[in-house]
Amino acid sequence: MGDDQAEARVDAAVLSRAAAPEEVTFERQLRPRSFEEYVGQEAAVSSLRVSVEAARRRAECVDHVLLYGPPGLGKTTLAGIIANEMGTNLVTTAGPAIERGGDLMGILTNLGDNDVLFIDEVHRLPRAVEELLYPAMEDFSVNFVIEKGMHARTLKYQLRPFTMVAATTRPGMLSAPLRERFGIFHHLDFYSETELTRIVTRSAAILSTKLDAGGAAEIARRARGTPRIVNRLLRRVRDYAEVHGDGIVTGAIAHTALDNEGVDRRGLDRLDRRFLEAIIELYGGGPVGLDAVAATINDDAETLSEMVEPYLLKIGFIVRAPRGRRATVDAYTHLNKKPPAGATTAGQGALFE
């Protein structure tokens, strides 16, 4: 299999776990439309609110924004909020979708004054396309060459001022020239259970779903710190409550429904548990390389790196040692397994063993 095919397969796997196509409309109707409605990410929201208000008072566009962090934390939502607050249009695309310079030219030349261009997975932009972005972001113009050889000429096409909001799950893959052209940087982190409870309560009200405090807390507890997942779990629990209950999502209903879905009390699903069990049962708790674990559970290393590892690292179930990943005592306890003597506790102690 070629590199492009392998990368496309990885992206498909990641996206399928991040947002199924049939749920896009469902997620869109639940997205906040203003900073007032947005829950969590206080530092990023506070900073963006100031930038947007200042740009609005000066009748200018907002400086270019780079948002990075795990999938499902609100990067697309924040881009939409910036456009709404500025009273302009939001144009969305993704790095893999822009294959040639002409594709980018078509998008840029159709932007209106102060419009917001959102590019998801910006690290996947081809290099030739990325280089066209440099003058577009700096001077709101694009340079392109016509004819060839001695008759080659460079033409400069002036664009309307716009704001580019770029999102990536892998900021380390961005080239330095592109990264330096963003004026605003924000890292989006996982949400607390309190914030997720507020989000799922708001979503239930929009969907006209009866949700009590116990049901909201149970869903938030198992949502992996991610708004996209908390809304998806609400949808699954709502279906279960309608079929096996009286339509009211209680703590008991949510507990049973999510157990049936394979989502445990810490938000781990079947893939997470297979990942941990492989490290513990087949590799003695580690350290073990990610490629070896991926081959063992018949999954893709990049999928595990983007979709599984960040949350397990966040809750302290694994640590990264110089020779690979190592399961912590907390992971053994969660899976009801006896840790070996000298097993690592959660934290950074094993990083320098």
Protein backbone atom coordinates (compact mmCIF):
# COMPACT_ATOMS: atom_id res chain seq x y z
CA MET A 1 0.00 0.00 0.00
CA GLY A 2 1.38 3.46 -0.93
CA ASP A 3 2.01 6.20 1.61
CA ASP A 4 -0.96 8.27 0.38
CA GLN A 5 -3.31 5.29 0.61
CA ALA A 6 -2.10 4.41 4.08
CA GLU A 7 -2.48 8.01 5.24
CA ALA A 8 -5.99 8.19 3.79
CA ARG A 9 -6.93 4.98 5.59
CA VAL A 10 -5.63 6.38 8.87
CA ASP A 11 -7.57 9.62 8.41
CA ALA A 12 -10.73 7.65 7.66
CA ALA A 13 -10.29 5.63 10.83
CA VAL A 14 -9.64 8.71 12.94
CA LEU A 15 -12.57 10.62 11.52
CA SER A 16 -14.92 7.66 11.89
CA ARG A 17 -14.21 7.58 15.60
CA ALA A 18 -14.27 11.37 15.88
CA ALA A 19 -17.50 12.17 14.02
CA ALA A 20 -19.63 9.80 11.99
CA PRO A 21 -21.15 11.42 8.87
CA GLU A 22 -24.72 10.69 9.98
CA GLU A 23 -24.10 12.66 13.19
CA VAL A 24 -22.80 15.84 11.55
CA THR A 25 -26.25 17.46 11.39
CA PHE A 26 -26.95 16.41 14.97
CA GLU A 27 -23.72 18.01 16.18
CA ARG A 28 -24.25 21.18 14.16
CA GLN A 29 -27.57 22.02 15.80
CA LEU A 30 -25.98 21.73 19.24
CA ARG A 31 -23.01 24.02 18.55
CA PRO A 32 -22.91 27.33 20.45
CA ARG A 33 -23.22 30.40 18.25
CA SER A 34 -21.71 33.02 20.55
CA PHE A 35 -19.06 33.36 23.24
CA GLU A 36 -21.84 33.67 25.81
CA GLU A 37 -23.12 30.19 24.95
CA TYR A 38 -19.68 28.57 24.80
CA VAL A 39 -18.74 26.46 27.82
CA GLY A 40 -15.14 25.83 28.91
CA GLN A 41 -11.75 26.85 27.50
CA GLU A 42 -11.91 30.06 29.54
CA ALA A 43 -8.43 31.33 28.66
CA ALA A 44 -8.92 30.88 24.91
CA VAL A 45 -12.44 32.30 24.91
CA SER A 46 -11.45 35.33 27.00
CA SER A 47 -8.55 36.13 24.68
CA LEU A 48 -10.59 35.63 21.51
CA ARG A 49 -13.41 37.76 22.87
CA VAL A 50 -11.00 40.68 23.32
CA SER A 51 -9.48 40.20 19.85
CA VAL A 52 -12.89 40.06 18.17
CA GLU A 53 -14.22 43.11 20.01
CA ALA A 54 -11.10 45.13 19.17
CA ALA A 55 -11.28 44.14 15.50
CA ARG A 56 -14.96 45.00 15.37
CA ARG A 57 -14.39 48.47 16.81
CA ARG A 58 -11.63 49.15 14.27
CA ALA A 59 -13.70 47.64 11.43
CA GLU A 60 -10.81 45.28 10.69
CA CYS A 61 -10.51 41.52 10.42
CA VAL A 62 -9.35 39.45 13.36
CA ASP A 63 -5.72 38.32 13.29
CA HIS A 64 -5.15 34.77 12.01
CA VAL A 65 -5.86 32.11 14.63
CA LEU A 66 -4.29 28.68 15.17
CA LEU A 67 -6.22 26.24 17.38
CA TYR A 68 -4.64 22.92 18.32
CA GLY A 69 -5.57 20.00 20.51
CA PRO A 70 -7.32 16.60 20.39
CA PRO A 71 -10.40 16.12 18.19
CA GLY A 72 -13.85 17.16 19.39
CA LEU A 73 -12.87 19.98 21.75
CA GLY A 74 -14.52 22.86 19.87
CA LYS A 75 -12.09 24.14 17.25
CA THR A 76 -14.70 24.27 14.48
CA THR A 77 -17.22 25.77 16.90
CA LEU A 78 -14.87 28.60 17.86
CA ALA A 79 -14.27 29.42 14.19
CA GLY A 80 -18.02 29.69 13.69
CA ILE A 81 -18.38 31.88 16.77
CA ILE A 82 -15.68 34.26 15.52
CA ALA A 83 -17.56 34.64 12.22
CA ASN A 84 -20.90 35.13 14.01
CA GLU A 85 -19.50 37.72 16.41
CA MET A 86 -17.90 39.60 13.50
CA GLY A 87 -21.10 39.40 11.45
CA THR A 88 -19.29 37.78 8.53
CA ASN A 89 -19.41 34.47 6.67
CA LEU A 90 -17.66 31.25 7.65
CA VAL A 91 -16.06 29.24 4.83
CA THR A 92 -14.89 25.79 5.89
CA THR A 93 -12.52 23.34 4.25
CA ALA A 94 -9.84 20.84 5.23
CA GLY A 95 -6.17 20.43 4.41
CA PRO A 96 -6.55 17.14 2.49
CA ALA A 97 -9.36 18.66 0.38
CA ILE A 98 -7.08 21.37 -1.08
CA GLU A 99 -4.93 19.40 -3.47
CA ARG A 100 -3.75 22.12 -5.87
CA GLY A 101 -3.02 25.83 -5.80
CA GLY A 102 -6.02 26.45 -8.03
CA ASP A 103 -8.31 24.98 -5.36
CA LEU A 104 -7.01 27.47 -2.81
CA MET A 105 -7.21 30.34 -5.30
CA GLY A 106 -10.87 29.61 -5.89
CA ILE A 107 -11.58 29.73 -2.17
CA LEU A 108 -9.56 32.87 -1.43
CA THR A 109 -10.86 34.94 -4.33
CA ASN A 110 -14.47 34.28 -3.30
CA LEU A 111 -14.03 35.47 0.29
CA GLY A 112 -15.82 38.66 1.29
CA ASP A 113 -14.49 41.45 3.49
CA ASN A 114 -13.46 40.13 6.94
CA ASP A 115 -14.82 36.63 6.20
CA VAL A 116 -13.47 33.72 8.25
CA LEU A 117 -11.74 30.87 6.41
CA PHE A 118 -11.56 27.75 8.56
CA ILE A 119 -9.06 25.08 7.49
CA ASP A 120 -9.24 21.86 9.51
CA GLU A 121 -6.21 19.56 9.75
CA VAL A 122 -4.09 22.35 8.30
CA HIS A 123 -0.93 20.25 8.72
CA ARG A 124 -2.13 18.13 5.79
CA LEU A 125 -1.86 20.99 3.27
CA PRO A 126 0.44 20.19 0.33
CA ARG A 127 3.64 22.25 0.37
CA ALA A 128 2.86 24.07 -2.90
CA VAL A 129 -0.54 25.12 -1.55
CA GLU A 130 0.96 26.16 1.78
CA GLU A 131 3.41 28.50 0.04
CA LEU A 132 0.52 30.27 -1.68
CA LEU A 133 -0.91 30.99 1.76
CA TYR A 134 2.10 32.96 2.96
CA PRO A 135 1.43 36.19 1.00
CA ALA A 136 -2.32 35.67 1.38
CA MET A 137 -2.01 35.70 5.18
CA GLU A 138 0.56 38.51 5.33
CA ASP A 139 -0.50 40.94 2.60
CA PHE A 140 -3.94 39.64 1.54
CA SER A 141 -2.60 38.92 -1.92
CA VAL A 142 -1.51 35.90 -3.94
CA ASN A 143 1.30 35.67 -6.42
CA PHE A 144 1.17 33.26 -9.31
CA VAL A 145 3.42 32.69 -12.30
CA ILE A 146 2.14 32.69 -15.87
CA GLU A 147 3.98 31.33 -18.91
CA LYS A 148 7.38 29.66 -18.59
CA GLY A 149 11.08 30.16 -19.17
CA MET A 150 12.24 33.58 -20.34
CA HIS A 151 8.66 34.77 -20.71
CA ALA A 152 7.59 33.84 -17.19
CA ARG A 153 5.87 36.63 -15.28
CA THR A 154 4.58 36.95 -11.74
CA LEU A 155 1.14 38.44 -11.29
CA LYS A 156 -0.12 39.74 -7.97
CA TYR A 157 -3.81 39.36 -7.22
CA GLN A 158 -5.21 41.44 -4.36
CA LEU A 159 -7.60 39.71 -1.94
CA ARG A 160 -10.17 41.10 0.44
CA PRO A 161 -9.03 41.14 4.09
CA PHE A 162 -9.95 37.88 5.81
CA THR A 163 -9.26 35.90 8.97
CA MET A 164 -7.85 32.41 8.68
CA VAL A 165 -8.67 30.06 11.54
CA ALA A 166 -6.64 26.87 11.29
CA ALA A 167 -7.11 23.73 13.38
CA THR A 168 -4.78 20.81 13.85
CA THR A 169 -4.42 17.79 16.08
CA ARG A 170 -0.69 17.62 15.32
CA PRO A 171 0.90 21.08 15.70
CA GLY A 172 4.39 19.61 15.51
CA MET A 173 3.82 18.80 11.84
CA LEU A 174 3.24 22.45 10.89
CA SER A 175 6.12 24.07 9.06
CA ALA A 176 7.80 26.98 10.83
CA PRO A 177 6.97 29.55 8.09
CA LEU A 178 3.26 28.75 8.30
CA ARG A 179 3.18 28.64 12.08
CA GLU A 180 4.86 32.05 12.35
CA ARG A 181 2.17 33.72 10.28
CA PHE A 182 -0.51 33.18 12.91
CA GLY A 183 -0.95 36.00 15.38
CA ILE A 184 -3.14 34.11 17.87
CA PHE A 185 -2.37 30.63 19.26
CA HIS A 186 -4.58 28.62 21.59
CA HIS A 187 -4.31 25.07 22.87
CA LEU A 188 -7.66 23.46 23.66
CA ASP A 189 -7.52 20.99 26.52
CA PHE A 190 -9.93 18.33 27.77
CA TYR A 191 -13.01 19.55 29.66
CA SER A 192 -13.84 18.97 33.31
CA GLU A 193 -16.86 16.89 34.34
CA THR A 194 -18.57 20.06 35.61
CA GLU A 195 -18.19 21.72 32.20
CA LEU A 196 -19.40 18.60 30.39
CA THR A 197 -22.42 18.44 32.69
CA ARG A 198 -23.34 21.99 31.67
CA ILE A 199 -22.87 21.10 28.00
CA VAL A 200 -24.99 17.93 28.10
CA THR A 201 -27.73 19.74 30.05
CA ARG A 202 -27.83 22.48 27.42
CA SER A 203 -27.87 19.91 24.59
CA ALA A 204 -30.72 17.98 26.23
CA ALA A 205 -32.78 21.18 26.43
CA ILE A 206 -32.20 21.87 22.72
CA LEU A 207 -33.25 18.30 21.87
CA SER A 208 -36.29 18.47 24.20
CA THR A 209 -34.92 15.48 26.13
CA LYS A 210 -35.79 15.07 29.80
CA LEU A 211 -32.51 14.75 31.67
CA ASP A 212 -32.10 14.78 35.44
CA ALA A 213 -28.97 15.71 37.39
CA GLY A 214 -27.93 12.10 37.88
CA GLY A 215 -28.20 11.32 34.18
CA ALA A 216 -26.23 14.43 33.22
CA ALA A 217 -23.46 13.59 35.70
CA GLU A 218 -23.23 9.97 34.54
CA ILE A 219 -22.94 10.92 30.87
CA ALA A 220 -20.39 13.66 31.61
CA ARG A 221 -18.30 11.24 33.67
CA ARG A 222 -17.90 8.88 30.72
CA ALA A 223 -17.36 11.45 27.96
CA ARG A 224 -13.52 11.43 27.94
CA GLY A 225 -13.42 15.18 28.61
CA THR A 226 -14.77 15.86 25.10
CA PRO A 227 -17.93 17.82 24.15
CA ARG A 228 -18.38 15.92 20.89
CA ILE A 229 -18.43 12.64 22.77
CA VAL A 230 -20.77 13.89 25.52
CA ASN A 231 -23.32 14.87 22.87
CA ARG A 232 -22.96 11.53 21.11
CA LEU A 233 -23.44 9.63 24.37
CA LEU A 234 -26.53 11.72 25.10
CA ARG A 235 -27.98 10.57 21.80
CA ARG A 236 -27.33 6.91 22.62
CA VAL A 237 -28.75 7.22 26.13
CA ARG A 238 -31.79 9.12 24.87
CA ASP A 239 -32.59 6.24 22.49
CA TYR A 240 -32.20 3.71 25.30
CA ALA A 241 -34.47 5.73 27.61
CA GLU A 242 -37.21 5.88 24.99
CA VAL A 243 -37.11 2.14 24.29
CA HIS A 244 -36.44 0.71 27.75
CA GLY A 245 -37.74 3.48 30.01
CA ASP A 246 -40.21 6.32 30.12
CA GLY A 247 -38.09 8.70 28.08
CA ILE A 248 -36.45 10.33 31.10
CA VAL A 249 -32.65 10.04 31.23
CA THR A 250 -31.81 9.23 34.84
CA GLY A 251 -28.53 8.17 36.38
CA ALA A 252 -29.59 4.50 36.37
CA ILE A 253 -30.75 4.63 32.74
CA ALA A 254 -27.52 6.34 31.65
CA HIS A 255 -25.42 3.82 33.60
CA THR A 256 -27.09 0.81 31.96
CA ALA A 257 -27.19 2.34 28.47
CA LEU A 258 -23.50 3.27 28.46
CA ASP A 259 -22.47 -0.10 29.90
CA ASN A 260 -24.31 -1.68 26.99
CA GLU A 261 -22.43 0.61 24.60
CA GLY A 262 -19.12 -0.59 26.01
CA VAL A 263 -18.25 2.77 27.60
CA ASP A 264 -17.05 2.25 31.16
CA ARG A 265 -17.12 4.57 34.18
CA ARG A 266 -13.89 6.35 33.14
CA GLY A 267 -14.98 6.80 29.53
CA LEU A 268 -12.84 4.01 28.12
CA ASP A 269 -14.34 2.14 25.20
CA ARG A 270 -13.42 -1.25 23.77
CA LEU A 271 -10.46 0.08 21.78
CA ASP A 272 -8.98 1.79 24.84
CA ARG A 273 -9.27 -1.39 26.89
CA ARG A 274 -7.75 -3.53 24.12
CA PHE A 275 -4.84 -1.09 24.01
CA LEU A 276 -4.25 -1.28 27.77
CA GLU A 277 -4.78 -5.04 27.96
CA ALA A 278 -2.21 -5.62 25.22
CA ILE A 279 0.39 -3.60 27.13
CA ILE A 280 -0.43 -5.31 30.44
CA GLU A 281 -1.05 -8.91 29.39
CA LEU A 282 1.30 -9.37 26.45
CA TYR A 283 4.11 -6.96 27.29
CA GLY A 284 4.15 -7.16 31.08
CA GLY A 285 2.98 -3.58 31.50
CA GLY A 286 5.65 -2.17 29.18
CA PRO A 287 7.63 -0.38 28.09
CA VAL A 288 6.57 -1.24 24.56
CA GLY A 289 6.59 0.67 21.30
CA LEU A 290 3.36 1.97 19.80
CA ASP A 291 3.91 0.09 16.53
CA ALA A 292 4.18 -3.19 18.43
CA VAL A 293 0.91 -2.55 20.29
CA ALA A 294 -0.81 -1.54 17.05
CA ALA A 295 0.28 -4.76 15.34
CA THR A 296 -0.85 -6.80 18.34
CA ILE A 297 -4.40 -5.43 18.40
CA ASN A 298 -4.60 -5.18 14.59
CA ASP A 299 -5.07 -1.43 14.52
CA ASP A 300 -3.16 1.52 13.14
CA ALA A 301 -0.40 3.24 15.13
CA GLU A 302 -1.42 6.72 14.01
CA THR A 303 -5.04 6.10 15.01
CA LEU A 304 -3.88 4.99 18.46
CA SER A 305 -1.59 8.00 18.74
CA GLU A 306 -4.33 10.52 17.91
CA MET A 307 -7.46 8.91 19.33
CA VAL A 308 -6.41 6.72 22.26
CA GLU A 309 -3.15 7.92 23.79
CA PRO A 310 -4.00 11.57 24.61
CA TYR A 311 -6.85 10.70 26.98
CA LEU A 312 -5.02 7.76 28.59
CA LEU A 313 -2.04 10.04 29.22
CA LYS A 314 -4.34 12.73 30.59
CA ILE A 315 -5.93 10.43 33.19
CA GLY A 316 -2.62 8.79 34.06
CA PHE A 317 -3.28 5.28 32.77
CA ILE A 318 -0.09 5.22 30.68
CA VAL A 319 3.20 7.09 30.66
CA ARG A 320 5.75 7.52 27.91
CA ALA A 321 9.10 6.00 28.84
CA PRO A 322 12.22 6.30 26.64
CA ARG A 323 11.68 2.75 25.37
CA GLY A 324 7.93 3.02 24.82
CA ARG A 325 4.57 3.13 26.61
CA ARG A 326 4.13 1.83 30.13
CA ALA A 327 0.89 1.07 31.96
CA THR A 328 0.49 2.62 35.41
CA VAL A 329 -0.91 1.15 38.61
CA ASP A 330 -4.13 3.09 37.97
CA ALA A 331 -4.58 1.22 34.69
CA TYR A 332 -4.10 -2.16 36.41
CA THR A 333 -6.59 -1.20 39.11
CA HIS A 334 -9.17 -0.01 36.60
CA LEU A 335 -8.97 -3.29 34.68
CA ASN A 336 -9.07 -5.33 37.91
CA LYS A 337 -5.58 -6.70 37.34
CA LYS A 338 -2.81 -7.10 39.89
CA PRO A 339 0.12 -4.80 39.16
CA PRO A 340 3.60 -6.34 39.20
CA ALA A 341 6.14 -5.34 41.84
CA GLY A 342 7.62 -1.97 41.04
CA ALA A 343 4.83 -0.94 38.68
CA THR A 344 4.71 2.75 37.84
CA THR A 345 2.23 5.04 39.55
CA ALA A 346 0.54 7.77 37.55
CA GLY A 347 2.83 10.68 36.83
CA GLN A 348 6.12 11.39 35.14
CA GLY A 349 8.42 9.21 37.24
CA ALA A 350 8.90 6.59 34.53
CA LEU A 351 9.87 9.07 31.85
CA PHE A 352 13.53 9.02 32.77
CA GLU A 353 14.00 5.39 33.78
